[in-house]
C-alpha atoms as a PDB file:
ATOM      1  CA  MET A   1      13.757  26.427 -15.382  1.00  0.00           C
ATOM      2  CA  ASN A   2      14.942  29.190 -13.353  1.00  0.00           C
ATOM      3  CA  SER A   3      16.440  28.746 -10.070  1.00  0.00           C
ATOM      4  CA  PHE A   4      13.730  30.561  -7.764  1.00  0.00           C
ATOM      5  CA  VAL A   5      11.005  27.956  -9.108  1.00  0.00           C
ATOM      6  CA  MET A   6      13.787  25.175  -8.428  1.00  0.00           C
ATOM      7  CA  ALA A   7      14.341  26.603  -4.991  1.00  0.00           C
ATOM      8  CA  LEU A   8      10.304  26.964  -4.061  1.00  0.00           C
ATOM      9  CA  ARG A   9       9.852  23.019  -5.048  1.00  0.00           C
ATOM     10  CA  CYS A  10      12.484  22.205  -2.973  1.00  0.00           C
ATOM     11  CA  PHE A  11      10.971  24.085   0.068  1.00  0.00           C
ATOM     12  CA  SER A  12       7.432  22.689  -0.519  1.00  0.00           C
ATOM     13  CA  ALA A  13       9.022  19.221  -0.434  1.00  0.00           C
ATOM     14  CA  LEU A  14      10.931  20.255   2.861  1.00  0.00           C
ATOM     15  CA  ARG A  15       8.073  21.811   4.278  1.00  0.00           C
ATOM     16  CA  LEU A  16       5.851  18.756   3.504  1.00  0.00           C
ATOM     17  CA  HIS A  17       8.429  16.384   4.686  1.00  0.00           C
ATOM     18  CA  PHE A  18       8.077  17.982   8.073  1.00  0.00           C
ATOM     19  CA  LEU A  19       4.695  18.257   8.147  1.00  0.00           C
ATOM     20  CA  LEU A  20       4.229  14.472   7.379  1.00  0.00           C
ATOM     21  CA  THR A  21       7.222  13.884  10.139  1.00  0.00           C
ATOM     22  CA  PHE A  22       5.416  15.848  12.775  1.00  0.00           C
ATOM     23  CA  GLY A  23       2.013  14.483  11.790  1.00  0.00           C
ATOM     24  CA  PHE A  24       3.331  10.788  12.543  1.00  0.00           C
ATOM     25  CA  ALA A  25       4.898  11.772  15.770  1.00  0.00           C
ATOM     26  CA  LEU A  26       1.492  13.317  17.064  1.00  0.00           C
ATOM     27  CA  LEU A  27      -0.273  10.178  15.853  1.00  0.00           C
ATOM     28  CA  LEU A  28       2.081   8.372  17.937  1.00  0.00           C
ATOM     29  CA  MET A  29       2.161  10.330  20.990  1.00  0.00           C
ATOM     30  CA  LEU A  30      -1.703   9.986  20.806  1.00  0.00           C
ATOM     31  CA  PHE A  31      -1.792   6.311  20.354  1.00  0.00           C
ATOM     32  CA  VAL A  32       0.923   4.751  21.808  1.00  0.00           C
ATOM     33  CA  PRO A  33      -0.681   5.199  25.275  1.00  0.00           C
ATOM     34  CA  PHE A  34      -3.374   3.383  24.216  1.00  0.00           C
ATOM     35  CA  VAL A  35      -1.698   0.771  22.632  1.00  0.00           C
ATOM     36  CA  LEU A  36       0.497  -0.007  25.842  1.00  0.00           C
ATOM     37  CA  ALA A  37      -2.961  -0.460  28.067  1.00  0.00           C
ATOM     38  CA  GLN A  38      -4.186  -3.113  25.550  1.00  0.00           C
ATOM     39  CA  ASP A  39      -3.651  -6.672  26.311  1.00  0.00           C
ATOM     40  CA  GLY A  40      -5.048  -9.746  25.048  1.00  0.00           C
ATOM     41  CA  MET A  41      -5.547 -12.113  22.622  1.00  0.00           C
ATOM     42  CA  VAL A  42      -6.369 -11.369  18.969  1.00  0.00           C
ATOM     43  CA  VAL A  43     -10.136 -11.875  19.047  1.00  0.00           C
ATOM     44  CA  VAL A  44     -12.797 -10.918  16.196  1.00  0.00           C
ATOM     45  CA  GLY A  45     -16.021 -11.598  17.104  1.00  0.00           C
ATOM     46  CA  LYS A  46     -16.368 -15.313  18.819  1.00  0.00           C
ATOM     47  CA  TYR A  47     -13.206 -16.204  17.177  1.00  0.00           C
ATOM     48  CA  SER A  48      -9.495 -16.294  18.529  1.00  0.00           C
ATOM     49  CA  ILE A  49      -6.941 -15.551  15.361  1.00  0.00           C
ATOM     50  CA  PRO A  50      -3.456 -17.391  15.648  1.00  0.00           C
ATOM     51  CA  PRO A  51      -0.712 -15.067  15.342  1.00  0.00           C
ATOM     52  CA  GLU A  52       0.562 -16.662  12.111  1.00  0.00           C
ATOM     53  CA  LEU A  53      -2.980 -16.413  10.524  1.00  0.00           C
ATOM     54  CA  TRP A  54      -3.267 -12.842  11.560  1.00  0.00           C
ATOM     55  CA  ALA A  55      -0.027 -11.844   9.840  1.00  0.00           C
ATOM     56  CA  LEU A  56      -1.332 -13.325   6.708  1.00  0.00           C
ATOM     57  CA  ILE A  57      -4.353 -12.041   7.197  1.00  0.00           C
ATOM     58  CA  SER A  58      -2.482  -8.396   7.381  1.00  0.00           C
ATOM     59  CA  ALA A  59      -0.474  -8.943   4.300  1.00  0.00           C
ATOM     60  CA  ALA A  60      -3.697  -9.352   2.385  1.00  0.00           C
ATOM     61  CA  VAL A  61      -5.281  -6.410   3.951  1.00  0.00           C
ATOM     62  CA  GLY A  62      -2.059  -4.548   2.295  1.00  0.00           C
ATOM     63  CA  TRP A  63      -3.028  -6.002  -0.231  1.00  0.00           C
ATOM     64  CA  LEU A  64      -6.136  -4.607  -0.540  1.00  0.00           C
ATOM     65  CA  VAL A  65      -5.269  -1.242   0.520  1.00  0.00           C
ATOM     66  CA  LYS A  66      -2.796  -0.884  -2.533  1.00  0.00           C
ATOM     67  CA  GLU A  67      -5.980  -1.911  -4.660  1.00  0.00           C
ATOM     68  CA  ILE A  68      -7.900   0.797  -3.373  1.00  0.00           C
ATOM     69  CA  ALA A  69      -5.115   3.915  -3.056  1.00  0.00           C
ATOM     70  CA  SER A  70      -3.263   3.238  -6.254  1.00  0.00           C
ATOM     71  CA  PRO A  71      -6.536   4.728  -8.428  1.00  0.00           C
ATOM     72  CA  ILE A  72      -6.903   7.418  -6.146  1.00  0.00           C
ATOM     73  CA  THR A  73      -3.293   8.142  -6.427  1.00  0.00           C
ATOM     74  CA  ALA A  74      -3.369   7.937 -10.237  1.00  0.00           C
ATOM     75  CA  LEU A  75      -6.546  10.327 -10.259  1.00  0.00           C
ATOM     76  CA  VAL A  76      -5.035  12.891  -7.673  1.00  0.00           C
ATOM     77  CA  LYS A  77      -1.677  12.910  -9.998  1.00  0.00           C
ATOM     78  CA  ARG A  78      -3.513  13.344 -13.631  1.00  0.00           C
ATOM     79  CA  TYR A  79      -6.256  16.144 -11.622  1.00  0.00           C
ATOM     80  CA  GLY A  80      -4.112  17.735  -9.339  1.00  0.00           C
ATOM     81  CA  ALA A  81      -0.946  17.938 -11.929  1.00  0.00           C
ATOM     82  CA  THR A  82       1.506  16.123  -9.158  1.00  0.00           C
ATOM     83  CA  HIS A  83       4.659  14.761 -10.430  1.00  0.00           C
ATOM     84  CA  GLY A  84       7.531  12.313  -8.743  1.00  0.00           C
ATOM     85  CA  THR A  85       7.986  12.726  -5.031  1.00  0.00           C
ATOM     86  CA  VAL A  86       4.867  14.378  -4.138  1.00  0.00           C
ATOM     87  CA  THR A  87       2.864  11.538  -5.996  1.00  0.00           C
ATOM     88  CA  ARG A  88       4.649   9.432  -3.769  1.00  0.00           C
ATOM     89  CA  VAL A  89       4.024  11.093  -0.884  1.00  0.00           C
ATOM     90  CA  VAL A  90       0.175  11.397  -1.601  1.00  0.00           C
ATOM     91  CA  TYR A  91       0.126   7.543  -2.186  1.00  0.00           C
ATOM     92  CA  ILE A  92       2.308   6.743   1.303  1.00  0.00           C
ATOM     93  CA  LEU A  93      -0.635   8.967   2.653  1.00  0.00           C
ATOM     94  CA  LEU A  94      -3.463   7.563   1.619  1.00  0.00           C
ATOM     95  CA  VAL A  95      -2.025   4.386   2.400  1.00  0.00           C
ATOM     96  CA  THR A  96      -2.025   5.524   6.077  1.00  0.00           C
ATOM     97  CA  LEU A  97      -5.324   6.864   5.897  1.00  0.00           C
ATOM     98  CA  ILE A  98      -6.954   3.747   4.443  1.00  0.00           C
ATOM     99  CA  THR A  99      -4.654   1.244   7.010  1.00  0.00           C
ATOM    100  CA  ALA A 100      -6.032   3.289   9.591  1.00  0.00           C
ATOM    101  CA  ILE A 101      -9.405   3.360   8.774  1.00  0.00           C
ATOM    102  CA  PHE A 102      -8.953  -0.617   8.259  1.00  0.00           C
ATOM    103  CA  GLY A 103      -7.630  -0.650  11.591  1.00  0.00           C
ATOM    104  CA  LEU A 104     -10.560   1.003  13.543  1.00  0.00           C
ATOM    105  CA  ALA A 105     -12.953  -0.102  11.774  1.00  0.00           C
ATOM    106  CA  THR A 106     -11.922  -4.057  12.256  1.00  0.00           C
ATOM    107  CA  GLY A 107     -10.503  -3.059  16.004  1.00  0.00           C
ATOM    108  CA  ALA A 108      -6.986  -4.251  15.266  1.00  0.00           C
ATOM    109  CA  PHE A 109      -5.697  -0.944  17.025  1.00  0.00           C
ATOM    110  CA  GLY A 110      -7.661  -2.460  20.283  1.00  0.00           C
ATOM    111  CA  GLN A 111      -5.315  -5.553  19.810  1.00  0.00           C
ATOM    112  CA  GLY A 112      -2.688  -4.193  21.543  1.00  0.00           C
ATOM    113  CA  VAL A 113       1.008  -5.005  20.044  1.00  0.00           C
ATOM    114  CA  GLU A 114      -0.720  -7.656  17.808  1.00  0.00           C
ATOM    115  CA  GLY A 115      -2.932  -5.256  16.328  1.00  0.00           C
ATOM    116  CA  TRP A 116      -0.247  -2.682  15.905  1.00  0.00           C
ATOM    117  CA  THR A 117       1.847  -5.441  14.423  1.00  0.00           C
ATOM    118  CA  ALA A 118      -0.725  -5.977  11.961  1.00  0.00           C
ATOM    119  CA  ALA A 119      -1.392  -2.548  10.962  1.00  0.00           C
ATOM    120  CA  GLY A 120       2.321  -2.116  10.243  1.00  0.00           C
ATOM    121  CA  ILE A 121       2.069  -5.111   7.944  1.00  0.00           C
ATOM    122  CA  ALA A 122      -0.598  -4.282   5.997  1.00  0.00           C
ATOM    123  CA  PHE A 123       1.228  -0.588   5.568  1.00  0.00           C
ATOM    124  CA  VAL A 124       4.456  -1.701   4.581  1.00  0.00           C
ATOM    125  CA  THR A 125       2.889  -4.745   2.064  1.00  0.00           C
ATOM    126  CA  ALA A 126       0.748  -1.446   0.529  1.00  0.00           C
ATOM    127  CA  VAL A 127       3.594   0.762  -0.063  1.00  0.00           C
ATOM    128  CA  LEU A 128       6.401  -2.025  -1.107  1.00  0.00           C
ATOM    129  CA  LYS A 129       3.578  -3.144  -3.649  1.00  0.00           C
ATOM    130  CA  GLY A 130       2.128  -0.255  -4.795  1.00  0.00           C
ATOM    131  CA  LEU A 131       5.662   1.626  -5.477  1.00  0.00           C
ATOM    132  CA  GLY A 132       6.970  -1.538  -6.624  1.00  0.00           C
ATOM    133  CA  ASP A 133       4.274  -1.792  -9.335  1.00  0.00           C
ATOM    134  CA  TYR A 134       4.691   1.909 -10.061  1.00  0.00           C
ATOM    135  CA  VAL A 135       8.422   1.314 -10.956  1.00  0.00           C
ATOM    136  CA  LYS A 136       7.416  -2.131 -12.777  1.00  0.00           C
ATOM    137  CA  LEU A 137       5.038   0.034 -14.991  1.00  0.00           C
ATOM    138  CA  GLN A 138       7.803   2.940 -15.828  1.00  0.00           C
ATOM    139  CA  GLN A 139      10.454   0.093 -16.469  1.00  0.00           C
ATOM    140  CA  SER A 140       7.808  -1.307 -18.681  1.00  0.00           C
ATOM    141  CA  THR A 141       6.706   1.692 -20.638  1.00  0.00           C
ATOM    142  CA  LYS A 142      10.548   3.068 -20.940  1.00  0.00           C
ATOM    143  CA  SER A 143      11.526  -0.447 -22.611  1.00  0.00           C
ATOM    144  CA  GLY A 144       8.792  -0.011 -25.155  1.00  0.00           C
ATOM    145  CA  VAL A 145       9.500   3.486 -25.726  1.00  0.00           C
ATOM    146  CA  GLU A 146      13.509   2.430 -26.354  1.00  0.00           C
ATOM    147  CA  ALA A 147      12.792  -0.339 -28.793  1.00  0.00           C
ATOM    148  CA  ALA A 148      10.521   1.793 -30.938  1.00  0.00           C
ATOM    149  CA  GLU A 149      13.055   3.770 -33.818  1.00  0.00           C
ATOM    150  CA  PRO A 150      11.757   7.466 -34.299  1.00  0.00           C
ATOM    151  CA  ILE A 151      10.606   8.236 -37.938  1.00  0.00           C
ATOM    152  CA  ARG A 152      13.357   9.417 -40.757  1.00  0.00           C
ATOM    153  CA  SER A 153      12.086  11.911 -42.728  1.00  0.00           C
ATOM    154  CA  VAL A 154      13.035  11.547 -46.188  1.00  0.00           C
ATOM    155  CA  ASP A 155      14.237  14.913 -47.846  1.00  0.00           C
ATOM    156  CA  THR A 156      12.487  14.695 -51.652  1.00  0.00           C
ATOM    157  CA  PRO A 157      13.837  17.101 -53.923  1.00  0.00           C
ATOM    158  CA  THR A 158      11.288  20.042 -55.191  1.00  0.00           C
ATOM    159  CA  PRO A 159      10.841  19.855 -58.840  1.00  0.00           C
ATOM    160  CA  LYS A 160      11.960  22.867 -60.570  1.00  0.00           C
ATOM    161  CA  THR A 161      10.072  24.620 -63.185  1.00  0.00           C
ATOM    162  CA  GLY A 162      11.541  27.090 -65.210  1.00  0.00           C
ATOM    163  CA  ARG A 163       9.734  30.009 -63.186  1.00  0.00           C
ATOM    164  CA  GLY A 164      11.638  28.894 -59.698  1.00  0.00           C
ATOM    165  CA  ARG A 165      10.739  26.795 -57.133  1.00  0.00           C
ATOM    166  CA  ILE A 166       6.965  25.481 -56.578  1.00  0.00           C
END
């Protein structure tokens, strides 16, 4: 691979990293004032949820987010021809998007610090579970490939006739 293509890929990764950082900072600037203005108990419908149970529910939502984002990432990897870091970034973007949708749909962001903590727990759970499962899959695939031995070709002599080789 020539150096121009490698430099172009490096530049694309840096540009993507900058865009992600800028987008995250923009989201923080938009949502932090809203979150700080909220105060109250975690209430879903007519029920009050204790903080311990809220954290467990958040982890379960993170697992659910992982179960939604992983197949979508696999499709993007297959049809979008992404590799390595780009695939991981796509996965993290999908997890962020799905976590935000869950948070907005359930009203978790309106619960103040508890809601943002719940979204953070769900996000971290989904990212760690998804990337961990991917590494586990890679390791199991590599261990299976390394255990198999290549087929060795046997050189069989060609029979000779009086007129040369057949």
